[in-house]
Each structure stands twice: as C-alpha cells, then as structure tokens.
N, C-alpha and C. Protein backbone atom coordinates (compact mmCIF):
# COMPACT_ATOMS: atom_id res chain seq x y z
N MET A 1 -0.55 15.38 10.15
CA MET A 1 -1.28 15.00 11.66
C MET A 1 -2.29 13.68 11.60
N PHE A 2 -2.85 13.73 10.12
CA PHE A 2 -3.69 12.52 9.92
C PHE A 2 -3.21 11.69 8.98
N THR A 3 -1.96 11.79 8.95
CA THR A 3 -1.38 10.69 7.59
C THR A 3 -1.36 9.19 7.76
N LYS A 4 -1.13 9.04 9.15
CA LYS A 4 -1.12 7.59 9.51
C LYS A 4 -2.76 7.11 9.49
N LEU A 5 -3.44 7.70 9.59
CA LEU A 5 -5.08 7.50 9.79
C LEU A 5 -5.34 7.36 8.17
N TYR A 6 -4.97 8.09 7.23
CA TYR A 6 -5.26 8.01 5.93
C TYR A 6 -4.57 6.71 5.32
N LEU A 7 -3.29 6.56 5.68
CA LEU A 7 -2.73 5.25 5.20
C LEU A 7 -3.78 4.03 5.91
N ASN A 8 -3.99 4.22 6.86
CA ASN A 8 -4.74 2.86 7.71
C ASN A 8 -6.20 2.68 7.00
N THR A 9 -6.82 3.68 6.93
CA THR A 9 -8.25 3.75 6.12
C THR A 9 -8.45 3.47 4.62
N THR A 10 -7.13 3.62 4.09
CA THR A 10 -7.01 3.34 2.62
C THR A 10 -6.57 1.90 2.64
N ASP A 11 -6.22 1.28 3.47
CA ASP A 11 -5.71 -0.15 3.05
C ASP A 11 -6.59 -1.21 2.36
N PRO A 12 -6.74 -1.70 0.99
CA PRO A 12 -7.67 -2.29 0.84
C PRO A 12 -7.57 -4.00 1.17
N THR A 13 -6.41 -4.21 1.83
CA THR A 13 -6.30 -5.67 2.31
C THR A 13 -6.83 -5.87 3.47
N VAL A 14 -7.04 -4.83 4.25
CA VAL A 14 -7.92 -4.92 5.73
C VAL A 14 -9.45 -4.72 5.40
N SER A 15 -10.20 -5.76 6.45
CA SER A 15 -11.51 -5.51 6.09
C SER A 15 -12.24 -4.37 6.97
N LEU A 16 -13.13 -3.89 6.08
CA LEU A 16 -13.75 -2.59 6.84
C LEU A 16 -13.99 -2.68 8.11
N LEU A 17 -14.62 -3.73 8.60
CA LEU A 17 -14.68 -3.94 10.47
C LEU A 17 -13.53 -3.50 10.93
N ASN A 18 -12.21 -4.17 10.70
CA ASN A 18 -11.09 -4.13 11.21
C ASN A 18 -10.39 -2.77 10.81
N VAL A 19 -10.86 -1.95 9.89
CA VAL A 19 -10.32 -0.69 9.62
C VAL A 19 -10.99 0.25 10.77
N LEU A 20 -12.22 0.30 10.93
CA LEU A 20 -13.10 0.79 11.61
C LEU A 20 -12.49 0.76 13.46
N LYS A 21 -12.33 -0.65 13.52
CA LYS A 21 -12.33 -0.99 14.88
C LYS A 21 -10.78 -0.52 15.27
N GLN A 22 -9.81 -0.85 14.29
CA GLN A 22 -8.38 -0.39 14.70
C GLN A 22 -8.27 1.10 14.93
N ASN A 23 -8.95 1.85 14.11
CA ASN A 23 -8.80 3.36 14.07
C ASN A 23 -10.00 3.92 14.65
N ALA A 24 -10.82 3.70 15.41
CA ALA A 24 -12.11 4.33 15.86
C ALA A 24 -11.59 5.60 16.74
N GLY A 25 -10.70 5.47 17.28
CA GLY A 25 -10.68 6.88 18.13
C GLY A 25 -10.05 8.06 17.14
N MET A 26 -9.17 7.67 16.40
CA MET A 26 -8.44 8.57 15.40
C MET A 26 -9.57 8.85 14.41
N ILE A 27 -10.34 8.12 14.12
CA ILE A 27 -11.66 8.73 12.94
C ILE A 27 -12.41 9.56 13.61
N ILE A 28 -12.99 9.56 15.19
CA ILE A 28 -13.57 10.25 15.77
C ILE A 28 -12.87 11.85 15.94
N VAL A 29 -11.55 11.36 16.41
CA VAL A 29 -10.85 12.86 16.52
C VAL A 29 -10.82 13.69 15.25
N SER A 30 -10.45 12.58 13.91
CA SER A 30 -10.60 13.57 12.63
C SER A 30 -11.86 14.08 12.12
N VAL A 31 -12.77 13.39 12.44
CA VAL A 31 -14.18 14.08 12.10
C VAL A 31 -14.49 15.38 12.76
N ILE A 32 -14.23 15.12 14.25
CA ILE A 32 -14.77 16.25 15.23
C ILE A 32 -13.80 17.31 14.65
N PHE A 33 -12.37 17.30 14.52
CA PHE A 33 -11.29 18.13 14.28
C PHE A 33 -11.81 18.83 12.84
N HIS A 34 -12.10 17.98 11.82
CA HIS A 34 -12.54 18.75 10.67
C HIS A 34 -13.91 19.45 10.28
N THR A 35 -14.68 18.71 11.47
CA THR A 35 -16.10 19.67 11.66
C THR A 35 -16.12 20.92 12.23
N ILE A 36 -15.06 20.98 13.19
CA ILE A 36 -14.96 22.21 13.89
C ILE A 36 -14.22 22.93 12.81
N LEU A 37 -13.13 22.62 12.13
CA LEU A 37 -12.79 23.51 11.10
C LEU A 37 -13.31 23.99 10.08
N TYR A 38 -14.13 23.53 9.65
CA TYR A 38 -15.16 23.66 8.31
C TYR A 38 -16.25 24.49 8.65
N THR A 39 -16.86 24.25 10.07
CA THR A 39 -17.58 25.10 10.62
C THR A 39 -17.44 26.57 10.89
N VAL A 40 -15.99 26.56 11.61
CA VAL A 40 -15.41 28.00 11.69
C VAL A 40 -14.88 28.59 10.37
N THR A 41 -14.64 27.82 9.31
CA THR A 41 -14.73 28.51 8.22
C THR A 41 -15.78 29.09 7.45
N PHE A 42 -16.71 28.42 7.47
CA PHE A 42 -18.15 28.83 7.04
C PHE A 42 -18.60 30.04 7.76
N ASN A 43 -18.33 30.08 9.16
CA ASN A 43 -19.02 31.19 9.69
C ASN A 43 -17.75 32.81 9.60
N LEU A 44 -16.46 32.43 9.40
CA LEU A 44 -15.25 33.40 8.90
C LEU A 44 -16.05 33.84 7.38
N ALA A 45 -16.35 32.93 6.44
CA ALA A 45 -16.72 33.32 5.04
C ALA A 45 -17.89 33.92 5.31
N SER A 46 -19.14 33.80 6.24
CA SER A 46 -20.33 34.88 6.16
C SER A 46 -19.89 36.10 6.88
N PHE A 47 -19.02 35.92 7.77
CA PHE A 47 -18.48 37.18 8.55
C PHE A 47 -17.77 37.99 7.66
N ILE A 48 -16.94 37.61 6.60
CA ILE A 48 -16.37 38.16 5.79
C ILE A 48 -17.49 39.16 4.85
N PHE A 49 -18.26 38.35 4.26
CA PHE A 49 -19.27 38.80 3.34
C PHE A 49 -20.28 39.35 3.64
N SER A 50 -20.77 39.12 4.98
CA SER A 50 -21.95 39.58 5.47
C SER A 50 -21.95 40.40 6.40
N GLY A 51 -20.56 40.36 7.33
CA GLY A 51 -20.81 41.11 8.40
C GLY A 51 -21.08 40.58 9.61
N LYS A 52 -21.65 39.16 9.73
CA LYS A 52 -22.28 38.59 10.63
C LYS A 52 -22.00 37.03 10.60
N ILE A 53 -21.90 36.38 11.92
CA ILE A 53 -21.65 34.96 11.99
C ILE A 53 -22.62 34.16 11.75
N LEU A 54 -23.08 32.99 11.21
CA LEU A 54 -24.14 31.95 10.97
C LEU A 54 -24.96 31.96 12.47
N SER A 55 -26.25 31.92 12.16
CA SER A 55 -27.23 31.60 13.33
C SER A 55 -26.79 30.26 14.17
N GLN A 56 -27.19 30.09 15.16
CA GLN A 56 -27.02 28.96 16.07
C GLN A 56 -27.84 27.98 15.22
N THR A 57 -28.89 28.04 14.67
CA THR A 57 -29.62 26.80 13.66
C THR A 57 -28.75 26.59 12.71
N ILE A 58 -28.38 27.26 11.83
CA ILE A 58 -27.45 27.08 10.51
C ILE A 58 -26.24 26.34 11.34
N ASN A 59 -25.67 26.77 12.35
CA ASN A 59 -24.55 25.91 12.50
C ASN A 59 -24.62 24.68 13.29
N MET A 60 -25.89 24.35 13.70
CA MET A 60 -26.07 23.00 14.19
C MET A 60 -26.45 22.41 13.11
N ARG A 61 -27.02 22.85 12.10
CA ARG A 61 -27.24 22.22 10.64
C ARG A 61 -25.90 21.55 10.04
N LEU A 62 -24.82 22.75 10.31
CA LEU A 62 -23.93 22.54 9.33
C LEU A 62 -23.06 21.25 9.86
N ILE A 63 -23.04 21.40 11.46
CA ILE A 63 -22.26 20.24 12.28
C ILE A 63 -22.72 18.80 12.06
N VAL A 64 -24.07 18.78 12.04
CA VAL A 64 -24.80 17.82 11.93
C VAL A 64 -24.47 17.21 10.50
N SER A 65 -24.58 17.94 9.36
CA SER A 65 -24.35 17.60 8.21
C SER A 65 -23.06 16.94 7.71
N PHE A 66 -21.84 17.80 8.50
CA PHE A 66 -20.61 17.59 8.40
C PHE A 66 -20.20 16.32 9.17
N LEU A 67 -20.62 15.98 10.38
CA LEU A 67 -20.50 14.84 11.07
C LEU A 67 -20.88 13.72 10.16
N PHE A 68 -21.94 13.97 9.38
CA PHE A 68 -22.71 12.78 8.59
C PHE A 68 -21.89 12.59 7.32
N ILE A 69 -21.72 13.43 6.65
CA ILE A 69 -20.84 13.29 5.74
C ILE A 69 -19.47 12.92 5.84
N MET A 70 -19.08 13.10 6.86
CA MET A 70 -17.31 12.52 7.17
C MET A 70 -17.42 11.18 7.68
N PHE A 71 -18.20 10.91 8.51
CA PHE A 71 -18.23 9.71 8.92
C PHE A 71 -18.65 8.50 7.64
N PHE A 72 -19.81 8.74 7.18
CA PHE A 72 -19.88 7.79 6.00
C PHE A 72 -19.04 7.90 4.96
N GLY A 73 -18.48 9.17 4.71
CA GLY A 73 -17.02 9.50 3.92
C GLY A 73 -16.10 8.37 3.85
N TYR A 74 -15.81 7.93 5.63
CA TYR A 74 -14.66 6.95 5.37
C TYR A 74 -15.43 5.68 5.04
N ILE A 75 -16.33 5.50 4.95
CA ILE A 75 -17.05 4.28 4.43
C ILE A 75 -16.91 4.13 3.03
N GLY A 76 -17.55 5.23 2.41
CA GLY A 76 -17.66 5.21 0.84
C GLY A 76 -16.08 5.40 0.63
N ARG A 77 -15.13 5.97 1.03
CA ARG A 77 -13.86 6.12 0.45
C ARG A 77 -13.28 4.67 0.56
N TYR A 78 -13.46 3.62 1.67
CA TYR A 78 -12.84 2.43 1.80
C TYR A 78 -13.43 1.52 0.52
N TYR A 79 -14.88 1.67 0.08
CA TYR A 79 -15.24 0.89 -1.01
C TYR A 79 -14.72 1.31 -2.23
N HIS A 80 -14.61 2.64 -2.18
CA HIS A 80 -13.78 2.93 -3.33
C HIS A 80 -12.31 2.73 -3.42
N VAL A 81 -11.52 2.93 -2.55
CA VAL A 81 -10.29 2.07 -2.59
C VAL A 81 -10.44 0.43 -2.90
N LYS A 82 -11.25 -0.07 -2.39
CA LYS A 82 -11.42 -1.76 -2.87
C LYS A 82 -11.84 -1.78 -4.31
N ASP A 83 -12.53 -0.93 -4.94
CA ASP A 83 -12.82 -1.10 -6.32
C ASP A 83 -11.23 -0.46 -7.10
N ILE A 84 -10.83 0.28 -6.64
CA ILE A 84 -9.51 0.47 -7.42
C ILE A 84 -8.62 -0.45 -7.31
N TYR A 85 -8.39 -1.05 -6.23
CA TYR A 85 -7.56 -2.03 -6.05
C TYR A 85 -7.77 -3.29 -6.68
N SER A 86 -9.29 -3.51 -6.94
CA SER A 86 -9.66 -4.64 -7.87
C SER A 86 -9.21 -4.30 -9.33
N ALA A 87 -9.59 -3.25 -10.01
CA ALA A 87 -9.11 -2.82 -11.30
C ALA A 87 -7.71 -2.84 -11.58
N TYR A 88 -6.93 -2.72 -10.70
CA TYR A 88 -5.63 -2.77 -10.87
C TYR A 88 -5.09 -4.13 -10.57
N SER A 89 -5.96 -5.21 -10.63
CA SER A 89 -5.89 -6.64 -10.20
C SER A 89 -4.84 -6.71 -9.01
N LYS A 90 -5.14 -6.11 -7.94
CA LYS A 90 -4.57 -6.20 -6.70
C LYS A 90 -3.32 -5.61 -6.87
N ASN A 91 -2.87 -5.01 -7.35
CA ASN A 91 -1.61 -4.38 -7.67
C ASN A 91 -1.85 -3.31 -6.50
N MET A 92 -1.00 -3.57 -4.96
CA MET A 92 -0.91 -2.36 -4.14
C MET A 92 -0.27 -1.01 -4.55
N GLU A 93 0.97 -1.39 -5.40
CA GLU A 93 1.68 -0.22 -5.60
C GLU A 93 0.80 0.57 -6.39
N LYS A 94 0.15 0.56 -7.66
CA LYS A 94 -0.40 1.30 -8.50
C LYS A 94 -1.59 1.84 -7.60
N THR A 95 -2.30 0.73 -6.95
CA THR A 95 -3.58 1.30 -5.83
C THR A 95 -3.07 2.45 -5.45
N ARG A 96 -1.88 2.52 -4.70
CA ARG A 96 -1.68 3.73 -3.62
C ARG A 96 -1.26 4.93 -4.56
N ASN A 97 -0.31 4.65 -5.53
CA ASN A 97 -0.23 5.99 -6.44
C ASN A 97 -1.29 6.61 -6.85
N HIS A 98 -2.24 5.83 -7.47
CA HIS A 98 -3.77 6.17 -7.76
C HIS A 98 -4.28 6.81 -6.85
N LEU A 99 -4.22 6.63 -5.55
CA LEU A 99 -5.09 7.09 -4.35
C LEU A 99 -4.16 8.27 -3.92
N ASP A 100 -2.65 8.20 -3.82
CA ASP A 100 -2.09 9.54 -3.52
C ASP A 100 -2.50 10.80 -4.42
N LYS A 101 -2.61 10.45 -5.71
CA LYS A 101 -2.68 11.41 -6.72
C LYS A 101 -4.27 11.73 -6.45
N LEU A 102 -5.05 10.94 -6.25
CA LEU A 102 -6.51 11.80 -6.15
C LEU A 102 -6.63 12.31 -4.70
N TYR A 103 -5.79 11.96 -3.85
CA TYR A 103 -6.09 12.57 -2.58
C TYR A 103 -5.50 14.00 -2.34
N ILE A 104 -4.22 14.41 -3.34
CA ILE A 104 -3.48 15.35 -3.44
C ILE A 104 -4.43 16.36 -4.38
N THR A 105 -5.27 15.98 -5.55
CA THR A 105 -6.07 16.62 -6.42
C THR A 105 -6.93 17.22 -5.52
N TRP A 106 -7.71 16.45 -4.47
CA TRP A 106 -8.82 17.02 -3.65
C TRP A 106 -8.30 17.75 -2.70
N ILE A 107 -7.14 17.62 -2.28
CA ILE A 107 -6.86 18.79 -1.20
C ILE A 107 -6.79 20.11 -1.93
N PHE A 108 -5.85 20.08 -3.14
CA PHE A 108 -5.76 21.61 -3.77
C PHE A 108 -7.28 21.97 -4.44
N ILE A 109 -8.17 21.25 -4.68
CA ILE A 109 -9.18 21.88 -5.16
C ILE A 109 -10.20 22.15 -3.92
N GLY A 110 -9.93 21.20 -2.49
CA GLY A 110 -10.66 21.98 -1.68
C GLY A 110 -9.95 23.42 -1.04
C-alpha cells in the first residue's frame, strides 16, 4: 500500500524539499492511517488488559505524539538514508540493500 512512498522517500539522490513536495499527499495519508492504526492498537491493548479503552485525554495525547513522531520521522529517515548513501560512497545498490534489510528488521520488531 505504501511501497511507492517508501521508495520515493528513501531516495538519497533527490533533495528533501523535492521529496516532501512530490509526496506530500501520500505522506499525509500515511501519517493519518498509521496514527489511527496505532491509536486503535493501544486502545485494544488497554481493553484486553484492563477492560476499558483509554480516556479521550490520553487518546488525544497519543494522536498528537504519533503525528509529531511520524512527520518528523520522514525527515529523520531521509537524513539517515543520505548518511548511509555517503558511507557506501554513493553506491545506490548497496544503499538500497542496506535500507531494505533495516526496514524489514523494524517491521518484524514492530
């Protein structure tokens, strides 16, 4: 669902401004989708372990935190990709392999 966005936002040959401009709509959709998904997951876990969902105050704090973390996470990931790209002497194939392994690892940890 978000594979194209992942590939576009982890391209170290494109400037950050262009990455954000070209993918703004999908970034917003991704951030909102994942914010909803994670908030529902936290509420489900709360319901399973305590028998009640989280309060509106806690949900709002979660939502604001997730929005902040995920938006700035795109920027942080972009600079991380640039560093990896530089470390591999601008070898795109090695950079992409490194990123894909890193991404898969975080999916399974999550």
